[in-house]
Amino acid sequence: TLLVWQVDRAAREVVIVTPYLIPDESLLAALKTAVMRGVDVRIVISAVVDQRFVNLAQASYYDELLSAGVRIHRYRDYLLHAKTIRIDGKLGIVGSSNVDIRSFQLNEEVSLLLLDPPNIARLAQIQHAYLDASDELLLEDWRQRSMARRLGENLARLVSPLL
């Protein structure tokens, strides 16, 4: 996909804002590899949840991402439904696509590619405001969740390609 290709090319920064993050294996690998190359990878998700089962599936990826050095931020003010991506200040993506298999392969989603510096700079301002209104999820805190929660996440992950 375009996103995997661009994350693979990233040199400095990847910022993904999405309400629903259920990455496939290629995106997971791209994000982890980007961090190993020294890229600052940040994902902003909503702390306010509207779909509990999808949230459990999404959360099943957090340990793997956090362990790899991906930084996850939970937006606390309201259900953040923005869907934006910015890579190295050279590419911005704004659209209706969530970061999940359904959006990438099944739904008829629309995305606008931003290639001009003024619009990418404006997108960066918006994303920084989301980051400022978010709490960073730390691996050591994440690993304190209950066994029941972990079980729910694992069960939800089994059907995550369908969500």
N, C-alpha and C. Protein backbone atom coordinates (compact mmCIF):
# COMPACT_ATOMS: atom_id res chain seq x y z
N THR A 1 0.83 -1.19 0.00
CA THR A 1 0.00 0.00 0.00
C THR A 1 0.87 1.25 0.00
N LEU A 2 0.26 2.37 -0.31
CA LEU A 2 0.96 3.65 -0.30
C LEU A 2 1.55 3.94 1.07
N LEU A 3 0.80 3.65 2.12
CA LEU A 3 1.27 3.95 3.47
C LEU A 3 2.51 3.14 3.81
N VAL A 4 2.49 1.86 3.53
CA VAL A 4 3.66 1.02 3.83
C VAL A 4 4.87 1.50 3.04
N TRP A 5 4.66 1.80 1.79
CA TRP A 5 5.75 2.28 0.94
C TRP A 5 6.34 3.57 1.50
N GLN A 6 5.51 4.50 1.93
CA GLN A 6 6.00 5.77 2.45
C GLN A 6 6.67 5.61 3.81
N VAL A 7 6.13 4.75 4.67
CA VAL A 7 6.79 4.49 5.96
C VAL A 7 8.15 3.86 5.72
N ASP A 8 8.24 2.97 4.75
CA ASP A 8 9.53 2.35 4.41
C ASP A 8 10.54 3.38 3.93
N ARG A 9 10.08 4.47 3.34
CA ARG A 9 10.97 5.52 2.82
C ARG A 9 11.25 6.61 3.84
N ALA A 10 10.53 6.63 4.95
CA ALA A 10 10.68 7.71 5.93
C ALA A 10 12.11 7.78 6.47
N ALA A 11 12.56 9.01 6.67
CA ALA A 11 13.91 9.22 7.18
C ALA A 11 13.93 9.86 8.56
N ARG A 12 12.90 10.67 8.89
CA ARG A 12 12.91 11.42 10.15
C ARG A 12 11.69 11.18 11.03
N GLU A 13 10.50 11.26 10.42
CA GLU A 13 9.30 11.32 11.25
C GLU A 13 8.09 10.72 10.52
N VAL A 14 7.30 9.97 11.27
CA VAL A 14 6.02 9.47 10.81
C VAL A 14 5.01 9.77 11.92
N VAL A 15 3.95 10.50 11.59
CA VAL A 15 2.89 10.78 12.56
C VAL A 15 1.59 10.29 11.94
N ILE A 16 0.93 9.38 12.65
CA ILE A 16 -0.34 8.82 12.20
C ILE A 16 -1.40 9.17 13.24
N VAL A 17 -2.48 9.80 12.80
CA VAL A 17 -3.62 10.09 13.67
C VAL A 17 -4.78 9.28 13.12
N THR A 18 -5.34 8.41 13.95
CA THR A 18 -6.43 7.56 13.48
C THR A 18 -7.28 7.10 14.66
N PRO A 19 -8.59 6.99 14.47
CA PRO A 19 -9.41 6.47 15.56
C PRO A 19 -9.30 4.95 15.68
N TYR A 20 -8.98 4.29 14.58
CA TYR A 20 -8.95 2.82 14.57
C TYR A 20 -7.65 2.35 13.93
N LEU A 21 -6.83 1.69 14.71
CA LEU A 21 -5.53 1.22 14.26
C LEU A 21 -5.49 -0.30 14.37
N ILE A 22 -5.68 -0.97 13.26
CA ILE A 22 -5.54 -2.43 13.23
C ILE A 22 -4.63 -2.73 12.03
N PRO A 23 -3.32 -2.63 12.26
CA PRO A 23 -2.37 -2.76 11.15
C PRO A 23 -2.23 -4.20 10.67
N ASP A 24 -1.95 -4.36 9.38
CA ASP A 24 -1.61 -5.69 8.88
C ASP A 24 -0.12 -5.92 9.12
N GLU A 25 0.35 -7.11 8.80
CA GLU A 25 1.74 -7.46 9.07
C GLU A 25 2.73 -6.56 8.33
N SER A 26 2.40 -6.16 7.11
CA SER A 26 3.33 -5.31 6.35
C SER A 26 3.48 -3.92 6.98
N LEU A 27 2.38 -3.36 7.48
CA LEU A 27 2.48 -2.06 8.14
C LEU A 27 3.19 -2.18 9.49
N LEU A 28 2.89 -3.23 10.24
CA LEU A 28 3.59 -3.45 11.51
C LEU A 28 5.10 -3.51 11.27
N ALA A 29 5.50 -4.28 10.28
CA ALA A 29 6.92 -4.42 9.98
C ALA A 29 7.52 -3.09 9.55
N ALA A 30 6.81 -2.35 8.73
CA ALA A 30 7.31 -1.05 8.27
C ALA A 30 7.49 -0.08 9.43
N LEU A 31 6.54 -0.04 10.35
CA LEU A 31 6.64 0.86 11.49
C LEU A 31 7.83 0.49 12.39
N LYS A 32 7.96 -0.79 12.66
CA LYS A 32 9.06 -1.25 13.52
C LYS A 32 10.42 -1.02 12.86
N THR A 33 10.50 -1.28 11.58
CA THR A 33 11.75 -1.07 10.85
C THR A 33 12.10 0.41 10.79
N ALA A 34 11.10 1.26 10.64
CA ALA A 34 11.35 2.70 10.63
C ALA A 34 11.99 3.15 11.94
N VAL A 35 11.48 2.66 13.06
CA VAL A 35 12.06 3.01 14.36
C VAL A 35 13.51 2.54 14.42
N MET A 36 13.79 1.33 13.93
CA MET A 36 15.16 0.83 13.94
C MET A 36 16.10 1.70 13.11
N ARG A 37 15.55 2.37 12.10
CA ARG A 37 16.36 3.29 11.28
C ARG A 37 16.52 4.65 11.94
N GLY A 38 15.89 4.86 13.10
CA GLY A 38 16.00 6.13 13.79
C GLY A 38 14.87 7.10 13.51
N VAL A 39 13.81 6.63 12.85
CA VAL A 39 12.66 7.47 12.55
C VAL A 39 11.80 7.61 13.82
N ASP A 40 11.36 8.81 14.10
CA ASP A 40 10.44 9.07 15.22
C ASP A 40 9.03 8.73 14.74
N VAL A 41 8.50 7.61 15.20
CA VAL A 41 7.18 7.14 14.78
C VAL A 41 6.21 7.37 15.93
N ARG A 42 5.17 8.15 15.66
CA ARG A 42 4.16 8.44 16.67
C ARG A 42 2.77 8.14 16.10
N ILE A 43 1.96 7.55 16.95
CA ILE A 43 0.58 7.25 16.59
C ILE A 43 -0.31 7.92 17.62
N VAL A 44 -1.28 8.67 17.14
CA VAL A 44 -2.26 9.31 18.02
C VAL A 44 -3.59 8.61 17.81
N ILE A 45 -4.11 8.05 18.90
CA ILE A 45 -5.40 7.39 18.88
C ILE A 45 -6.30 8.07 19.92
N SER A 46 -7.54 7.75 19.90
CA SER A 46 -8.48 8.36 20.84
C SER A 46 -8.56 7.57 22.13
N ALA A 47 -8.46 8.27 23.26
CA ALA A 47 -8.69 7.62 24.56
C ALA A 47 -10.17 7.37 24.77
N VAL A 48 -11.01 8.20 24.15
CA VAL A 48 -12.46 8.02 24.21
C VAL A 48 -12.83 6.98 23.15
N VAL A 49 -13.57 5.98 23.56
CA VAL A 49 -13.85 4.84 22.70
C VAL A 49 -15.33 4.80 22.33
N ASP A 50 -15.60 4.54 21.05
CA ASP A 50 -17.00 4.38 20.63
C ASP A 50 -17.33 2.94 20.24
N GLN A 51 -16.30 2.14 19.98
CA GLN A 51 -16.51 0.74 19.61
C GLN A 51 -15.58 -0.13 20.46
N ARG A 52 -16.13 -0.66 21.52
CA ARG A 52 -15.32 -1.38 22.52
C ARG A 52 -14.57 -2.57 21.93
N PHE A 53 -15.21 -3.37 21.10
CA PHE A 53 -14.57 -4.56 20.56
C PHE A 53 -13.43 -4.17 19.63
N VAL A 54 -13.63 -3.15 18.81
CA VAL A 54 -12.57 -2.67 17.92
C VAL A 54 -11.41 -2.12 18.76
N ASN A 55 -11.73 -1.44 19.84
CA ASN A 55 -10.70 -0.92 20.73
C ASN A 55 -9.86 -2.04 21.33
N LEU A 56 -10.50 -3.15 21.70
CA LEU A 56 -9.75 -4.28 22.23
C LEU A 56 -8.81 -4.86 21.16
N ALA A 57 -9.32 -5.00 19.94
CA ALA A 57 -8.48 -5.51 18.85
C ALA A 57 -7.30 -4.57 18.61
N GLN A 58 -7.58 -3.29 18.58
CA GLN A 58 -6.54 -2.28 18.37
C GLN A 58 -5.49 -2.37 19.47
N ALA A 59 -5.93 -2.47 20.70
CA ALA A 59 -5.01 -2.49 21.84
C ALA A 59 -4.11 -3.73 21.83
N SER A 60 -4.53 -4.77 21.15
CA SER A 60 -3.72 -5.99 21.11
C SER A 60 -2.39 -5.76 20.39
N TYR A 61 -2.26 -4.67 19.66
CA TYR A 61 -1.03 -4.36 18.94
C TYR A 61 -0.09 -3.44 19.73
N TYR A 62 -0.58 -2.85 20.81
CA TYR A 62 0.19 -1.84 21.52
C TYR A 62 1.51 -2.37 22.08
N ASP A 63 1.50 -3.53 22.72
CA ASP A 63 2.72 -4.05 23.32
C ASP A 63 3.81 -4.21 22.27
N GLU A 64 3.45 -4.80 21.14
CA GLU A 64 4.41 -5.01 20.06
C GLU A 64 4.95 -3.68 19.54
N LEU A 65 4.07 -2.71 19.35
CA LEU A 65 4.49 -1.41 18.84
C LEU A 65 5.35 -0.67 19.86
N LEU A 66 4.90 -0.63 21.10
CA LEU A 66 5.66 0.07 22.14
C LEU A 66 7.02 -0.58 22.37
N SER A 67 7.06 -1.90 22.36
CA SER A 67 8.33 -2.62 22.54
C SER A 67 9.32 -2.28 21.43
N ALA A 68 8.82 -2.02 20.25
CA ALA A 68 9.67 -1.68 19.10
C ALA A 68 10.12 -0.22 19.13
N GLY A 69 9.51 0.60 19.99
CA GLY A 69 9.88 2.00 20.06
C GLY A 69 8.91 2.96 19.41
N VAL A 70 7.80 2.44 18.90
CA VAL A 70 6.74 3.31 18.38
C VAL A 70 6.11 4.01 19.57
N ARG A 71 5.87 5.30 19.45
CA ARG A 71 5.28 6.06 20.54
C ARG A 71 3.78 6.20 20.28
N ILE A 72 2.99 5.81 21.26
CA ILE A 72 1.53 5.87 21.15
C ILE A 72 1.02 6.93 22.11
N HIS A 73 0.17 7.80 21.57
CA HIS A 73 -0.41 8.90 22.35
C HIS A 73 -1.93 8.75 22.32
N ARG A 74 -2.56 8.88 23.49
CA ARG A 74 -4.02 8.77 23.57
C ARG A 74 -4.62 10.16 23.78
N TYR A 75 -5.37 10.59 22.79
CA TYR A 75 -6.03 11.90 22.82
C TYR A 75 -7.17 11.84 23.83
N ARG A 76 -7.17 12.76 24.77
CA ARG A 76 -8.06 12.63 25.92
C ARG A 76 -9.35 13.45 25.87
N ASP A 77 -9.48 14.45 24.99
CA ASP A 77 -10.58 15.40 25.10
C ASP A 77 -11.93 14.90 24.62
N TYR A 78 -11.96 14.16 23.53
CA TYR A 78 -13.20 13.64 22.96
C TYR A 78 -12.84 12.56 21.97
N LEU A 79 -13.82 11.94 21.38
CA LEU A 79 -13.55 10.92 20.38
C LEU A 79 -12.85 11.58 19.20
N LEU A 80 -11.58 11.32 19.05
CA LEU A 80 -10.80 11.88 17.96
C LEU A 80 -11.01 11.01 16.73
N HIS A 81 -11.67 11.56 15.75
CA HIS A 81 -12.01 10.80 14.55
C HIS A 81 -11.21 11.26 13.34
N ALA A 82 -10.19 12.09 13.57
CA ALA A 82 -9.34 12.57 12.48
C ALA A 82 -8.53 11.41 11.90
N LYS A 83 -8.26 11.51 10.62
CA LYS A 83 -7.49 10.47 9.93
C LYS A 83 -6.44 11.18 9.08
N THR A 84 -5.27 11.36 9.67
CA THR A 84 -4.20 12.09 8.99
C THR A 84 -2.88 11.37 9.17
N ILE A 85 -2.01 11.56 8.20
CA ILE A 85 -0.67 10.99 8.25
C ILE A 85 0.29 12.05 7.71
N ARG A 86 1.44 12.13 8.35
CA ARG A 86 2.47 13.05 7.87
C ARG A 86 3.80 12.33 7.95
N ILE A 87 4.56 12.42 6.86
CA ILE A 87 5.84 11.73 6.78
C ILE A 87 6.92 12.72 6.35
N ASP A 88 7.90 12.91 7.23
CA ASP A 88 9.09 13.72 6.95
C ASP A 88 8.81 15.15 6.50
N GLY A 89 7.64 15.67 6.75
CA GLY A 89 7.34 17.02 6.30
C GLY A 89 7.25 17.14 4.79
N LYS A 90 7.23 16.00 4.09
CA LYS A 90 7.19 16.00 2.63
C LYS A 90 5.88 15.47 2.08
N LEU A 91 5.16 14.71 2.91
CA LEU A 91 3.90 14.11 2.47
C LEU A 91 2.90 14.18 3.59
N GLY A 92 1.70 14.58 3.25
CA GLY A 92 0.58 14.53 4.18
C GLY A 92 -0.54 13.76 3.52
N ILE A 93 -1.28 13.03 4.33
CA ILE A 93 -2.43 12.29 3.84
C ILE A 93 -3.59 12.61 4.77
N VAL A 94 -4.69 13.07 4.18
CA VAL A 94 -5.91 13.39 4.92
C VAL A 94 -7.05 12.68 4.21
N GLY A 95 -7.90 12.00 4.95
CA GLY A 95 -8.99 11.33 4.25
C GLY A 95 -9.91 10.58 5.17
N SER A 96 -10.63 9.65 4.59
CA SER A 96 -11.63 8.89 5.33
C SER A 96 -11.12 7.52 5.76
N SER A 97 -9.90 7.17 5.38
CA SER A 97 -9.38 5.84 5.63
C SER A 97 -8.82 5.69 7.04
N ASN A 98 -9.31 4.67 7.75
CA ASN A 98 -8.70 4.28 9.01
C ASN A 98 -7.45 3.47 8.70
N VAL A 99 -6.65 3.21 9.71
CA VAL A 99 -5.47 2.37 9.51
C VAL A 99 -5.86 0.95 9.89
N ASP A 100 -6.60 0.33 8.98
CA ASP A 100 -7.03 -1.06 9.17
C ASP A 100 -7.24 -1.72 7.81
N ILE A 101 -7.32 -3.02 7.83
CA ILE A 101 -7.44 -3.79 6.59
C ILE A 101 -8.73 -3.46 5.85
N ARG A 102 -9.82 -3.31 6.60
CA ARG A 102 -11.11 -3.01 5.95
C ARG A 102 -11.03 -1.71 5.14
N SER A 103 -10.43 -0.69 5.73
CA SER A 103 -10.31 0.59 5.02
C SER A 103 -9.40 0.49 3.81
N PHE A 104 -8.30 -0.26 3.97
CA PHE A 104 -7.32 -0.34 2.89
C PHE A 104 -7.78 -1.22 1.73
N GLN A 105 -8.57 -2.28 2.03
CA GLN A 105 -8.85 -3.26 0.98
C GLN A 105 -10.32 -3.40 0.62
N LEU A 106 -11.23 -3.09 1.53
CA LEU A 106 -12.64 -3.37 1.26
C LEU A 106 -13.48 -2.12 1.02
N ASN A 107 -13.32 -1.14 1.87
CA ASN A 107 -14.15 0.06 1.75
C ASN A 107 -13.67 0.95 0.62
N GLU A 108 -14.54 1.73 0.14
CA GLU A 108 -14.18 2.71 -0.90
C GLU A 108 -13.84 4.02 -0.20
N GLU A 109 -12.61 4.11 0.28
CA GLU A 109 -12.15 5.26 1.03
C GLU A 109 -11.54 6.30 0.09
N VAL A 110 -11.49 7.52 0.58
CA VAL A 110 -10.92 8.62 -0.20
C VAL A 110 -9.81 9.27 0.63
N SER A 111 -8.68 9.50 -0.01
CA SER A 111 -7.57 10.18 0.66
C SER A 111 -7.03 11.27 -0.24
N LEU A 112 -6.66 12.37 0.38
CA LEU A 112 -6.06 13.49 -0.32
C LEU A 112 -4.58 13.51 0.04
N LEU A 113 -3.72 13.49 -0.97
CA LEU A 113 -2.29 13.57 -0.74
C LEU A 113 -1.87 15.03 -0.76
N LEU A 114 -1.17 15.44 0.28
CA LEU A 114 -0.65 16.80 0.36
C LEU A 114 0.84 16.74 0.06
N LEU A 115 1.26 17.50 -0.93
CA LEU A 115 2.66 17.52 -1.33
C LEU A 115 3.27 18.91 -1.21
N ASP A 116 2.44 19.92 -0.95
CA ASP A 116 2.94 21.28 -0.89
C ASP A 116 3.29 21.67 0.55
N PRO A 117 4.44 22.29 0.74
CA PRO A 117 4.91 22.62 2.09
C PRO A 117 3.94 23.42 2.96
N PRO A 118 3.21 24.43 2.45
CA PRO A 118 2.31 25.16 3.34
C PRO A 118 1.19 24.28 3.93
N ASN A 119 0.62 23.42 3.13
CA ASN A 119 -0.44 22.55 3.65
C ASN A 119 0.10 21.46 4.57
N ILE A 120 1.27 20.97 4.28
CA ILE A 120 1.88 19.98 5.17
C ILE A 120 2.24 20.64 6.50
N ALA A 121 2.70 21.88 6.46
CA ALA A 121 3.01 22.62 7.70
C ALA A 121 1.74 22.84 8.52
N ARG A 122 0.63 23.15 7.87
CA ARG A 122 -0.64 23.33 8.58
C ARG A 122 -1.10 22.00 9.20
N LEU A 123 -0.93 20.92 8.48
CA LEU A 123 -1.25 19.59 9.02
C LEU A 123 -0.38 19.30 10.24
N ALA A 124 0.88 19.66 10.18
CA ALA A 124 1.78 19.45 11.32
C ALA A 124 1.29 20.22 12.54
N GLN A 125 0.81 21.44 12.35
CA GLN A 125 0.28 22.24 13.46
C GLN A 125 -0.92 21.53 14.10
N ILE A 126 -1.80 21.02 13.27
CA ILE A 126 -2.99 20.32 13.77
C ILE A 126 -2.57 19.07 14.53
N GLN A 127 -1.66 18.30 13.96
CA GLN A 127 -1.22 17.08 14.64
C GLN A 127 -0.50 17.40 15.94
N HIS A 128 0.29 18.47 15.99
CA HIS A 128 0.96 18.85 17.23
C HIS A 128 -0.05 19.23 18.31
N ALA A 129 -1.14 19.85 17.91
CA ALA A 129 -2.20 20.17 18.88
C ALA A 129 -2.82 18.89 19.44
N TYR A 130 -3.00 17.89 18.59
CA TYR A 130 -3.49 16.59 19.08
C TYR A 130 -2.49 15.97 20.05
N LEU A 131 -1.22 16.02 19.70
CA LEU A 131 -0.18 15.47 20.59
C LEU A 131 -0.16 16.19 21.93
N ASP A 132 -0.30 17.52 21.91
CA ASP A 132 -0.31 18.30 23.14
C ASP A 132 -1.49 17.95 24.03
N ALA A 133 -2.59 17.51 23.44
CA ALA A 133 -3.80 17.17 24.20
C ALA A 133 -3.89 15.66 24.44
N SER A 134 -2.76 14.98 24.34
CA SER A 134 -2.72 13.53 24.51
C SER A 134 -1.81 13.13 25.64
N ASP A 135 -2.03 11.93 26.13
CA ASP A 135 -1.14 11.32 27.12
C ASP A 135 -0.39 10.19 26.44
N GLU A 136 0.93 10.20 26.60
CA GLU A 136 1.72 9.13 25.99
C GLU A 136 1.55 7.85 26.79
N LEU A 137 1.34 6.78 26.09
CA LEU A 137 1.22 5.46 26.70
C LEU A 137 2.61 4.87 26.81
N LEU A 138 3.01 4.52 28.01
CA LEU A 138 4.33 3.96 28.24
C LEU A 138 4.24 2.46 28.39
N LEU A 139 5.24 1.76 27.88
CA LEU A 139 5.23 0.30 27.88
C LEU A 139 5.06 -0.26 29.29
N GLU A 140 5.79 0.27 30.24
CA GLU A 140 5.71 -0.27 31.61
C GLU A 140 4.31 -0.07 32.20
N ASP A 141 3.65 1.02 31.87
CA ASP A 141 2.27 1.23 32.33
C ASP A 141 1.31 0.29 31.60
N TRP A 142 1.51 0.14 30.31
CA TRP A 142 0.64 -0.71 29.51
C TRP A 142 0.67 -2.15 30.01
N ARG A 143 1.82 -2.61 30.42
CA ARG A 143 1.96 -4.00 30.87
C ARG A 143 1.32 -4.26 32.23
N GLN A 144 0.79 -3.22 32.87
CA GLN A 144 0.12 -3.38 34.16
C GLN A 144 -1.36 -3.73 34.03
N ARG A 145 -1.89 -3.78 32.80
CA ARG A 145 -3.31 -4.06 32.63
C ARG A 145 -3.64 -5.48 33.08
N SER A 146 -4.91 -5.71 33.36
CA SER A 146 -5.34 -6.97 33.93
C SER A 146 -5.26 -8.13 32.94
N MET A 147 -5.23 -9.33 33.47
CA MET A 147 -5.21 -10.53 32.64
C MET A 147 -6.52 -10.64 31.86
N ALA A 148 -7.63 -10.24 32.46
CA ALA A 148 -8.92 -10.28 31.75
C ALA A 148 -8.89 -9.34 30.54
N ARG A 149 -8.30 -8.19 30.72
CA ARG A 149 -8.18 -7.24 29.60
C ARG A 149 -7.32 -7.84 28.48
N ARG A 150 -6.22 -8.46 28.85
CA ARG A 150 -5.34 -9.09 27.86
C ARG A 150 -6.06 -10.20 27.10
N LEU A 151 -6.84 -10.97 27.81
CA LEU A 151 -7.60 -12.05 27.17
C LEU A 151 -8.60 -11.46 26.17
N GLY A 152 -9.30 -10.40 26.57
CA GLY A 152 -10.23 -9.73 25.66
C GLY A 152 -9.54 -9.20 24.42
N GLU A 153 -8.36 -8.63 24.60
CA GLU A 153 -7.59 -8.12 23.45
C GLU A 153 -7.21 -9.26 22.51
N ASN A 154 -6.76 -10.36 23.07
CA ASN A 154 -6.34 -11.49 22.24
C ASN A 154 -7.51 -12.10 21.47
N LEU A 155 -8.65 -12.19 22.11
CA LEU A 155 -9.84 -12.70 21.43
C LEU A 155 -10.27 -11.76 20.30
N ALA A 156 -10.25 -10.47 20.60
CA ALA A 156 -10.63 -9.49 19.57
C ALA A 156 -9.64 -9.49 18.41
N ARG A 157 -8.38 -9.73 18.70
CA ARG A 157 -7.37 -9.74 17.63
C ARG A 157 -7.61 -10.89 16.65
N LEU A 158 -8.14 -11.98 17.13
CA LEU A 158 -8.41 -13.12 16.26
C LEU A 158 -9.34 -12.76 15.11
N VAL A 159 -10.27 -11.85 15.37
CA VAL A 159 -11.21 -11.47 14.32
C VAL A 159 -10.92 -10.06 13.78
N SER A 160 -9.78 -9.48 14.15
CA SER A 160 -9.48 -8.11 13.74
C SER A 160 -9.49 -7.90 12.22
N PRO A 161 -9.10 -8.87 11.40
CA PRO A 161 -9.19 -8.62 9.95
C PRO A 161 -10.62 -8.38 9.46
N LEU A 162 -11.60 -8.78 10.24
CA LEU A 162 -12.99 -8.61 9.86
C LEU A 162 -13.57 -7.29 10.33
N LEU A 163 -12.86 -6.60 11.21
CA LEU A 163 -13.40 -5.38 11.81
C LEU A 163 -13.25 -4.16 10.91
